[in-house]
Amino acid sequence: MTPVSTRTYLRRRHGRPTAVLGAAVLALGLAACAPGSTGGEEGGTETEASDVETDVAAMGDVTLTVWDQEVRGGQDEQIEELNAAFMEQYPNVTIERDSRSFNDLRQTLRRAITGDAAPDVVQANNGRTDMGQFVQAGLLRPLDGYAEVYGWTERFPESVRALASYTEDGATFGEGHLYGLAQVGEVVGVWYSKSKLDGLGLEIPTTTEEFEAALEAARESGDLPIQFGNLDGWPGIHDFGFVQNQYVSREEIRDLGFGREGASWTSEANVTAAETFTDWVESDYFTEGFNGLGYDPAWQAFADGEGTFLVAGTWLLADLEAAMGEDLGFFLPPVGPSGEQAVTGGTGLPFAITEASENPDVAAAYIDFITSEDAMTAIADAGNLPVVDADPSAVDGAQAEVFQAWETAGEQDALVPYLDYATPDSYDLLTAQVKALGGGSTSSEEFLDALESEYTSFTSENTGG
């Protein structure tokens, strides 16, 4: 369902007609397999398609509270634009937006959605640590009825919907009911300075051997090889995953990421990955004292010329391109001894409807609006990567490279999940352990043993793993 006034609004705003972009391919292997402080029943209250009301204009005056983490330049631009367009189409609806950083959102969301003034729509991190536990506690509403009415099952491929799907007990990730819908796709790759790479006389590295040669060349030239700030904790999951992707098979990483029984952190390939990460630290390939440097100061330093490479996600596209212009480039992780391309990624945080929402039909109409075909164009226009309809030929510069990387990762079935998806405690454990490994306070063996112990304990008890 594409709101007509959205298209009109976007034409006026951008000065050109919107376009329906070609569908991107996303092939990420997945497992086959009420208000108040206590939430609702396990799995949340389901709304049947026959009960869905879509005439928002006839619902009277409504205040819709939305919590999101779209705080960066391009992210903030697109959500503000879409919110304004929604309220223009439906003057009876007032959106009250609460925008928080990723870490702040994670730390406060559970308290918010169990309180007396719970928001209607929230972005919830996909993994078991957050969305899985919210589902189990009955704090989010299943969206299957809305998906049927609004055509989400046709518009969004199963691989996208699966990344916000759980069984009612929250045990099985990747199947069951739909609990959210994402606006953007994302992959973790390598941002680089084209002028610096040219100055080193190097092409884009496509293998681990070539990439390590480039890191050594950058260091010898007096430049910082990889800009890295891990004070926030979660960036370390991405940088370690970047190394792991070069040594561990896609299927093994998927098994670990989705919490499948039988997977192991102590495999020979994971040992090599952990030792390589330590070697890179000891070789001064990362920013000195990276555990004390914030994520935002790190990427901002890269944009200011400190570092040849930055391992980070495509969500930085708009901000980095604004700062670096044509000097900015992006490429997927190199192929290492595993012999296959592996790329950490999937979707951005899905938008979900809380069990406590008094306006779930309006909330669903809002989610449909901000994920429509025209919304995907607004997302692209703001310098971001839409989860569907991302056509590399429709954009240029670094954005075209990002869109092409997204398409390539899908076509090659290269996408692997974020490692903190696996268990309810994965996020806290991984952030702490990567900091310890990078800071030299734990060995590779101790690092992997800690992850293995928590992982096997969870998978042995979780029948849905």
Protein backbone atom coordinates (compact mmCIF):
# COMPACT_ATOMS: atom_id res chain seq x y z
CA MET A 1 0.00 0.00 0.00
CA THR A 2 1.79 3.16 -1.20
CA PRO A 3 0.32 6.40 0.15
CA VAL A 4 -0.26 8.84 -2.72
CA SER A 5 0.58 11.90 -0.65
CA THR A 6 3.94 10.38 0.28
CA ARG A 7 4.90 10.42 -3.38
CA THR A 8 3.67 14.01 -3.78
CA TYR A 9 5.53 15.13 -0.68
CA LEU A 10 8.79 13.53 -1.77
CA ARG A 11 8.58 15.09 -5.23
CA ARG A 12 8.18 18.52 -3.69
CA ARG A 13 10.98 17.90 -1.25
CA HIS A 14 13.58 16.53 -3.65
CA GLY A 15 12.58 18.22 -6.87
CA ARG A 16 12.33 15.04 -8.91
CA PRO A 17 9.89 12.13 -9.18
CA THR A 18 10.56 9.13 -7.01
CA ALA A 19 11.52 5.88 -8.71
CA VAL A 20 10.73 2.27 -7.92
CA LEU A 21 14.17 0.71 -7.66
CA GLY A 22 15.06 -2.82 -8.66
CA ALA A 23 14.70 -5.44 -5.93
CA ALA A 24 17.89 -6.31 -4.08
CA VAL A 25 18.79 -9.89 -3.45
CA LEU A 26 19.13 -10.93 0.18
CA ALA A 27 20.00 -14.53 0.88
CA LEU A 28 20.94 -14.96 4.51
CA GLY A 29 20.86 -18.58 5.68
CA LEU A 30 18.59 -19.02 8.68
CA ALA A 31 17.69 -21.87 10.96
CA ALA A 32 15.25 -24.38 9.43
CA CYS A 33 14.20 -24.98 12.30
CA ALA A 34 -1.15 -5.95 27.77
CA PRO A 35 -0.09 -2.65 29.39
CA GLY A 36 1.75 -2.87 32.68
CA SER A 37 4.99 -4.20 34.04
CA THR A 38 4.37 -7.86 33.29
CA GLY A 39 3.60 -7.64 29.57
CA GLY A 40 0.99 -9.83 27.90
CA GLU A 41 0.78 -13.53 27.19
CA GLU A 42 3.85 -15.27 25.83
CA GLY A 43 4.30 -14.14 22.25
CA GLY A 44 2.01 -11.09 22.52
CA THR A 45 -1.54 -10.43 21.37
CA GLU A 46 -2.12 -11.41 17.76
CA THR A 47 -4.36 -9.29 15.51
CA GLU A 48 -6.16 -11.24 12.80
CA ALA A 49 -6.18 -9.75 9.31
CA SER A 50 -9.97 -9.51 9.41
CA ASP A 51 -9.73 -7.25 12.47
CA VAL A 52 -7.21 -4.77 11.04
CA GLU A 53 -8.47 -1.20 10.51
CA THR A 54 -6.58 0.75 7.82
CA ASP A 55 -8.56 4.02 7.66
CA VAL A 56 -6.24 6.07 9.84
CA ALA A 57 -8.03 9.32 9.06
CA ALA A 58 -11.20 7.94 10.65
CA MET A 59 -9.54 6.99 13.93
CA GLY A 60 -9.79 10.39 15.58
CA ASP A 61 -6.96 12.32 17.18
CA VAL A 62 -4.07 9.99 17.97
CA THR A 63 -0.66 10.59 19.50
CA LEU A 64 1.78 7.93 18.29
CA THR A 65 4.95 7.58 20.34
CA VAL A 66 7.93 6.23 18.41
CA TRP A 67 11.32 5.29 19.83
CA ASP A 68 14.12 4.94 17.29
CA GLN A 69 17.91 5.00 17.05
CA GLU A 70 18.13 6.87 13.74
CA VAL A 71 20.44 9.52 15.19
CA ARG A 72 23.09 9.91 12.50
CA GLY A 73 22.84 12.55 9.79
CA GLY A 74 21.30 10.60 6.93
CA GLN A 75 19.28 8.37 9.26
CA ASP A 76 17.80 11.31 11.13
CA GLU A 77 17.00 13.09 7.85
CA GLN A 78 15.01 10.24 6.36
CA ILE A 79 12.97 9.45 9.48
CA GLU A 80 12.16 13.13 10.08
CA GLU A 81 11.04 13.47 6.47
CA LEU A 82 8.87 10.37 6.59
CA ASN A 83 7.34 11.34 9.93
CA ALA A 84 6.43 14.75 8.52
CA ALA A 85 4.92 13.12 5.43
CA PHE A 86 2.85 10.73 7.54
CA MET A 87 1.45 13.57 9.64
CA GLU A 88 0.76 15.55 6.47
CA GLN A 89 -1.27 12.68 5.10
CA TYR A 90 -2.97 12.09 8.46
CA PRO A 91 -3.39 15.45 10.27
CA ASN A 92 -5.23 13.64 13.05
CA VAL A 93 -2.01 11.86 14.04
CA THR A 94 0.78 13.47 16.03
CA ILE A 95 4.08 11.58 16.14
CA GLU A 96 6.08 12.03 19.30
CA ARG A 97 9.56 10.84 18.46
CA ASP A 98 12.15 9.77 21.03
CA SER A 99 15.49 9.31 19.30
CA ARG A 100 18.34 7.63 21.17
CA SER A 101 21.75 6.15 20.41
CA PHE A 102 21.92 2.39 19.96
CA ASN A 103 23.42 1.80 23.41
CA ASP A 104 20.98 4.16 25.11
CA LEU A 105 18.03 2.55 23.35
CA ARG A 106 19.13 -0.95 24.40
CA GLN A 107 19.62 0.09 28.02
CA THR A 108 16.28 1.88 28.42
CA LEU A 109 13.88 0.08 26.11
CA ARG A 110 12.88 -2.80 28.40
CA ARG A 111 12.03 -0.40 31.19
CA ALA A 112 10.08 1.80 28.78
CA ILE A 113 7.92 -0.91 27.23
CA THR A 114 6.99 -2.35 30.61
CA GLY A 115 6.05 1.03 32.07
CA ASP A 116 2.73 2.84 32.29
CA ALA A 117 3.62 5.18 29.41
CA ALA A 118 5.05 2.63 26.97
CA PRO A 119 5.75 3.82 23.40
CA ASP A 120 3.64 2.51 20.52
CA VAL A 121 6.44 1.77 18.04
CA VAL A 122 10.02 0.85 18.92
CA GLN A 123 13.16 -0.27 17.16
CA ALA A 124 14.25 -3.46 18.87
CA ASN A 125 17.58 -5.17 18.28
CA ASN A 126 16.85 -8.43 16.42
CA GLY A 127 18.79 -10.88 18.55
CA ARG A 128 17.73 -13.02 21.48
CA THR A 129 19.24 -10.52 23.92
CA ASP A 130 16.49 -8.02 23.10
CA MET A 131 13.72 -8.97 20.67
CA GLY A 132 13.78 -12.63 21.65
CA GLN A 133 13.31 -11.82 25.32
CA PHE A 134 10.65 -9.20 24.57
CA VAL A 135 8.71 -11.81 22.58
CA GLN A 136 9.00 -14.38 25.35
CA ALA A 137 7.74 -11.82 27.88
CA GLY A 138 4.78 -10.88 25.69
CA LEU A 139 5.96 -7.29 25.25
CA LEU A 140 5.69 -7.12 21.44
CA ARG A 141 2.72 -7.81 19.17
CA PRO A 142 2.89 -10.36 16.33
CA LEU A 143 2.45 -8.56 13.00
CA ASP A 144 1.26 -11.44 10.80
CA GLY A 145 -2.26 -10.04 10.36
CA TYR A 146 -0.87 -6.66 9.39
CA ALA A 147 1.63 -8.29 7.03
CA GLU A 148 -1.26 -9.98 5.24
CA VAL A 149 -3.32 -6.80 4.94
CA TYR A 150 -0.45 -4.53 3.86
CA GLY A 151 1.26 -7.06 1.58
CA TRP A 152 4.52 -7.23 3.49
CA THR A 153 4.89 -10.93 2.78
CA GLU A 154 5.00 -10.12 -0.95
CA ARG A 155 7.08 -6.96 -0.72
CA PHE A 156 9.79 -8.21 1.64
CA PRO A 157 11.61 -11.50 0.99
CA GLU A 158 11.42 -14.22 3.58
CA SER A 159 15.08 -13.71 4.47
CA VAL A 160 14.32 -10.12 5.54
CA ARG A 161 11.19 -11.07 7.50
CA ALA A 162 12.97 -13.99 9.15
CA LEU A 163 15.40 -11.60 10.82
CA ALA A 164 12.49 -10.29 12.90
CA SER A 165 10.65 -13.60 13.37
CA TYR A 166 10.38 -15.74 16.49
CA THR A 167 8.26 -18.54 17.81
CA GLU A 168 5.92 -17.42 20.60
CA ASP A 169 8.23 -18.66 23.33
CA GLY A 170 11.13 -16.66 21.89
CA ALA A 171 13.24 -19.81 21.63
CA THR A 172 13.52 -20.15 17.86
CA PHE A 173 14.90 -17.26 15.86
CA GLY A 174 14.16 -17.11 12.12
CA GLU A 175 10.69 -18.65 12.00
CA GLY A 176 7.30 -18.31 13.64
CA HIS A 177 5.54 -14.95 13.92
CA LEU A 178 6.73 -11.66 12.42
CA TYR A 179 7.53 -9.10 15.13
CA GLY A 180 9.08 -6.23 13.20
CA LEU A 181 9.93 -4.71 9.84
CA ALA A 182 13.21 -3.03 8.93
CA GLN A 183 13.77 -0.03 6.70
CA VAL A 184 17.42 -0.51 5.82
CA GLY A 185 19.89 -3.18 4.89
CA GLU A 186 23.39 -3.12 6.26
CA VAL A 187 26.72 -4.84 5.80
CA VAL A 188 29.99 -4.45 7.65
CA GLY A 189 32.80 -3.87 5.21
CA VAL A 190 35.80 -1.59 4.69
CA TRP A 191 35.63 2.16 4.19
CA TYR A 192 38.82 3.55 2.71
CA SER A 193 40.47 6.69 1.43
CA LYS A 194 40.93 6.39 -2.33
CA SER A 195 43.74 8.96 -2.36
CA LYS A 196 45.63 7.12 0.36
CA LEU A 197 45.30 3.76 -1.37
CA ASP A 198 46.46 5.35 -4.62
CA GLY A 199 49.35 6.95 -2.78
CA LEU A 200 50.44 3.52 -1.62
CA GLY A 201 50.26 2.26 -5.20
CA LEU A 202 47.68 -0.38 -4.26
CA GLU A 203 44.44 -1.68 -5.69
CA ILE A 204 41.47 -2.66 -3.57
CA PRO A 205 42.57 -5.83 -1.72
CA THR A 206 40.42 -8.86 -2.43
CA THR A 207 42.27 -11.47 -0.34
CA THR A 208 43.50 -11.54 3.25
CA GLU A 209 47.08 -11.67 1.99
CA GLU A 210 46.54 -8.51 -0.07
CA PHE A 211 44.73 -6.77 2.77
CA GLU A 212 47.47 -7.50 5.28
CA ALA A 213 50.03 -6.25 2.75
CA ALA A 214 48.03 -3.03 2.50
CA LEU A 215 47.94 -2.72 6.30
CA GLU A 216 51.70 -3.14 6.44
CA ALA A 217 52.21 -0.60 3.66
CA ALA A 218 50.01 1.92 5.44
CA ARG A 219 51.90 1.45 8.70
CA GLU A 220 55.28 1.79 6.98
CA SER A 221 54.09 5.02 5.35
CA GLY A 222 53.42 6.45 8.79
CA ASP A 223 49.61 6.23 8.55
CA LEU A 224 47.26 4.38 10.86
CA PRO A 225 46.17 1.20 9.02
CA ILE A 226 42.71 0.70 10.62
CA GLN A 227 40.85 3.39 12.52
CA PHE A 228 39.04 1.71 15.43
CA GLY A 229 37.21 2.94 18.52
CA ASN A 230 35.77 0.35 20.91
CA LEU A 231 34.78 2.31 24.00
CA ASP A 232 31.11 1.56 23.22
CA GLY A 233 31.80 -2.19 23.12
CA TRP A 234 29.68 -3.22 20.15
CA PRO A 235 32.17 -2.06 17.46
CA GLY A 236 34.55 -4.76 18.71
CA ILE A 237 32.00 -7.42 17.73
CA HIS A 238 32.13 -6.08 14.18
CA ASP A 239 35.92 -5.82 13.91
CA PHE A 240 36.45 -9.27 15.37
CA GLY A 241 33.70 -10.61 13.07
CA PHE A 242 35.48 -9.01 10.12
CA VAL A 243 38.59 -11.06 10.90
CA GLN A 244 36.56 -14.18 11.64
CA ASN A 245 34.78 -13.91 8.29
CA GLN A 246 38.07 -14.48 6.51
CA TYR A 247 38.94 -17.70 8.35
CA VAL A 248 35.68 -19.39 9.31
CA SER A 249 33.15 -20.80 6.86
CA ARG A 250 29.85 -18.99 6.30
CA GLU A 251 27.84 -21.95 7.56
CA GLU A 252 29.87 -22.21 10.76
CA ILE A 253 29.39 -18.49 11.47
CA ARG A 254 25.67 -18.81 10.76
CA ASP A 255 25.39 -21.73 13.15
CA LEU A 256 27.13 -19.69 15.86
CA GLY A 257 25.19 -16.51 15.13
CA PHE A 258 21.78 -18.18 15.26
CA GLY A 259 22.52 -20.30 18.30
CA ARG A 260 22.33 -23.70 16.65
CA GLU A 261 23.25 -26.71 18.74
CA GLY A 262 26.49 -28.40 17.69
CA ALA A 263 28.35 -25.25 16.63
CA SER A 264 31.60 -24.52 18.47
CA TRP A 265 33.63 -21.42 19.24
CA THR A 266 36.75 -23.52 19.77
CA SER A 267 37.05 -24.89 16.24
CA GLU A 268 40.45 -24.68 14.56
CA ALA A 269 39.24 -21.89 12.26
CA ASN A 270 37.99 -19.80 15.18
CA VAL A 271 41.29 -20.29 16.98
CA THR A 272 43.09 -18.93 13.93
CA ALA A 273 40.70 -15.97 13.72
CA ALA A 274 41.23 -15.05 17.37
CA GLU A 275 45.00 -15.34 17.03
CA THR A 276 44.94 -13.21 13.87
CA PHE A 277 42.94 -10.49 15.63
CA THR A 278 45.56 -10.49 18.41
CA ASP A 279 48.36 -10.38 15.83
CA TRP A 280 46.79 -7.32 14.18
CA VAL A 281 46.61 -5.58 17.55
CA GLU A 282 50.25 -6.39 18.31
CA SER A 283 51.27 -5.26 14.81
CA ASP A 284 49.78 -1.82 15.50
CA TYR A 285 47.24 -2.18 12.71
CA PHE A 286 44.49 -0.73 14.94
CA THR A 287 44.30 2.63 16.69
CA GLU A 288 46.44 2.70 19.81
CA GLY A 289 44.26 2.48 22.92
CA PHE A 290 41.16 1.67 20.88
CA ASN A 291 39.26 0.39 23.93
CA GLY A 292 39.28 3.95 25.28
CA LEU A 293 38.17 5.63 22.05
CA GLY A 294 34.49 6.14 21.25
CA TYR A 295 32.90 4.93 18.03
CA ASP A 296 31.85 8.38 16.83
CA PRO A 297 35.22 10.03 17.50
CA ALA A 298 36.87 7.14 15.65
CA TRP A 299 34.90 7.42 12.42
CA GLN A 300 35.12 11.21 12.61
CA ALA A 301 38.90 10.93 12.90
CA PHE A 302 38.91 8.66 9.85
CA ALA A 303 36.85 11.22 7.95
CA ASP A 304 39.43 13.85 8.94
CA GLY A 305 42.24 11.79 7.42
CA GLU A 306 43.45 9.64 10.31
CA GLY A 307 43.63 6.12 8.92
CA THR A 308 43.67 4.34 5.59
CA PHE A 309 40.83 1.95 6.43
CA LEU A 310 37.79 1.86 8.72
CA VAL A 311 35.98 -1.43 9.35
CA ALA A 312 32.37 -0.38 9.89
CA GLY A 313 28.83 -0.67 8.66
CA THR A 314 27.03 0.95 5.77
CA TRP A 315 25.02 3.07 8.22
CA LEU A 316 27.94 5.53 8.13
CA LEU A 317 27.48 6.19 4.41
CA ALA A 318 25.74 9.57 4.58
CA ASP A 319 28.02 11.01 7.26
CA LEU A 320 31.27 9.78 5.71
CA GLU A 321 30.29 10.86 2.20
CA ALA A 322 29.37 14.32 3.47
CA ALA A 323 32.83 14.63 5.04
CA MET A 324 35.01 12.92 2.42
CA GLY A 325 33.16 13.33 -0.86
CA GLU A 326 34.71 11.54 -3.82
CA ASP A 327 37.67 10.33 -1.76
CA LEU A 328 35.44 7.84 0.06
CA GLY A 329 35.33 4.21 -1.07
CA PHE A 330 33.82 0.97 0.22
CA PHE A 331 34.53 -2.71 -0.37
CA LEU A 332 33.46 -6.05 1.07
CA PRO A 333 35.71 -8.09 3.38
CA PRO A 334 38.51 -9.89 1.57
CA VAL A 335 38.39 -13.62 0.99
CA GLY A 336 40.76 -15.49 3.27
CA PRO A 337 41.74 -19.08 3.96
CA SER A 338 38.07 -20.04 4.31
CA GLY A 339 37.94 -19.71 0.52
CA GLU A 340 34.55 -17.99 0.46
CA GLN A 341 33.21 -14.48 0.86
CA ALA A 342 31.54 -13.89 4.22
CA VAL A 343 29.96 -10.55 5.07
CA THR A 344 28.44 -9.62 8.42
CA GLY A 345 25.09 -7.97 7.89
CA GLY A 346 21.38 -8.26 7.37
CA THR A 347 18.88 -5.57 8.27
CA GLY A 348 18.84 -2.54 10.47
CA LEU A 349 16.84 -2.65 13.68
CA PRO A 350 13.22 -3.58 12.88
CA PHE A 351 10.31 -1.37 13.87
CA ALA A 352 7.95 -3.26 16.20
CA ILE A 353 4.63 -2.57 17.92
CA THR A 354 4.52 -2.87 21.69
CA GLU A 355 1.93 -4.98 23.44
CA ALA A 356 1.04 -1.90 25.51
CA SER A 357 0.19 0.26 22.48
CA GLU A 358 -3.36 1.58 22.56
CA ASN A 359 -3.16 2.37 18.84
CA PRO A 360 -1.76 -0.77 17.16
CA ASP A 361 -3.63 -0.20 13.88
CA VAL A 362 -2.20 3.32 13.56
CA ALA A 363 1.21 1.96 14.52
CA ALA A 364 1.00 -0.67 11.77
CA ALA A 365 -0.05 1.95 9.22
CA TYR A 366 2.97 4.01 10.28
CA ILE A 367 5.35 1.06 9.84
CA ASP A 368 3.84 0.39 6.42
CA PHE A 369 4.32 4.04 5.49
CA ILE A 370 7.99 4.24 6.48
CA THR A 371 8.80 0.99 4.62
CA SER A 372 6.83 1.71 1.43
CA GLU A 373 8.40 1.90 -2.05
CA ASP A 374 8.49 5.69 -1.84
CA ALA A 375 9.98 5.50 1.63
CA MET A 376 12.79 3.36 0.21
CA THR A 377 13.51 6.16 -2.26
CA ALA A 378 13.56 8.71 0.56
CA ILE A 379 16.00 6.44 2.41
CA ALA A 380 18.27 6.27 -0.64
CA ASP A 381 17.98 10.03 -1.20
CA ALA A 382 19.15 10.60 2.38
CA GLY A 383 22.29 8.58 1.65
CA ASN A 384 21.25 5.31 3.25
CA LEU A 385 20.82 1.72 2.03
CA PRO A 386 17.17 0.64 1.66
CA VAL A 387 16.53 -2.98 2.60
CA VAL A 388 14.76 -3.53 -0.74
CA ASP A 389 14.77 -1.55 -4.01
CA ALA A 390 18.47 -0.66 -3.79
CA ASP A 391 19.60 -0.17 -7.41
CA PRO A 392 23.33 0.61 -7.85
CA SER A 393 22.65 2.22 -11.26
CA ALA A 394 20.32 4.80 -9.69
CA VAL A 395 23.04 6.33 -7.47
CA ASP A 396 26.70 7.22 -7.78
CA GLY A 397 29.93 7.55 -5.81
CA ALA A 398 30.38 5.64 -2.57
CA GLN A 399 26.63 5.05 -2.37
CA ALA A 400 26.78 3.09 -5.63
CA GLU A 401 29.64 1.02 -4.19
CA VAL A 402 27.56 0.29 -1.08
CA PHE A 403 24.50 -0.66 -3.14
CA GLN A 404 26.66 -2.90 -5.32
CA ALA A 405 28.22 -4.53 -2.25
CA TRP A 406 24.73 -5.24 -0.87
CA GLU A 407 23.66 -6.76 -4.17
CA THR A 408 26.85 -8.82 -4.49
CA ALA A 409 26.57 -10.15 -0.94
CA GLY A 410 23.03 -11.29 -1.69
CA GLU A 411 23.85 -12.88 -5.03
CA GLN A 412 26.79 -14.79 -3.55
CA ASP A 413 24.85 -15.89 -0.46
CA ALA A 414 27.66 -14.24 1.53
CA LEU A 415 25.71 -12.65 4.39
CA VAL A 416 26.31 -13.98 7.89
CA PRO A 417 24.59 -12.81 11.11
CA TYR A 418 25.84 -10.55 13.83
CA LEU A 419 27.49 -12.72 16.46
CA ASP A 420 25.47 -11.26 19.34
CA TYR A 421 22.22 -12.68 17.91
CA ALA A 422 22.98 -16.11 19.33
CA THR A 423 21.98 -16.13 23.00
CA PRO A 424 20.37 -13.78 25.53
CA ASP A 425 23.81 -13.07 27.02
CA SER A 426 25.84 -12.91 23.79
CA TYR A 427 25.94 -9.14 23.52
CA ASP A 428 27.30 -8.44 27.00
CA LEU A 429 29.71 -11.37 26.88
CA LEU A 430 31.10 -10.61 23.43
CA THR A 431 31.61 -6.91 24.08
CA ALA A 432 33.50 -7.67 27.27
CA GLN A 433 35.55 -10.52 25.80
CA VAL A 434 36.60 -8.65 22.64
CA LYS A 435 37.71 -5.75 24.81
CA ALA A 436 39.73 -8.15 26.95
CA LEU A 437 41.25 -9.88 23.94
CA GLY A 438 42.14 -6.60 22.26
CA GLY A 439 43.44 -5.13 25.49
CA GLY A 440 45.70 -8.10 26.15
CA SER A 441 44.10 -9.13 29.44
CA THR A 442 42.94 -12.49 28.10
CA SER A 443 44.47 -14.99 25.71
CA SER A 444 42.91 -16.31 22.52
CA GLU A 445 42.28 -19.62 24.24
CA GLU A 446 40.62 -17.99 27.27
CA PHE A 447 38.56 -15.76 24.98
CA LEU A 448 37.18 -18.68 23.00
CA ASP A 449 36.66 -20.86 26.07
CA ALA A 450 34.52 -18.16 27.69
CA LEU A 451 32.36 -17.87 24.57
CA GLU A 452 32.14 -21.65 24.22
CA SER A 453 31.05 -22.19 27.80
CA GLU A 454 28.17 -19.69 27.60
CA TYR A 455 27.15 -20.84 24.13
CA THR A 456 26.99 -24.56 24.86
CA SER A 457 25.14 -23.92 28.12
CA PHE A 458 22.45 -22.01 26.22
CA THR A 459 22.10 -24.33 23.25
CA SER A 460 21.92 -27.45 25.41
CA GLU A 461 19.00 -25.99 27.35
CA ASN A 462 17.22 -24.19 24.51
CA THR A 463 15.10 -26.65 22.54
CA GLY A 464 14.58 -24.03 19.82
CA GLY A 465 18.30 -23.55 19.15
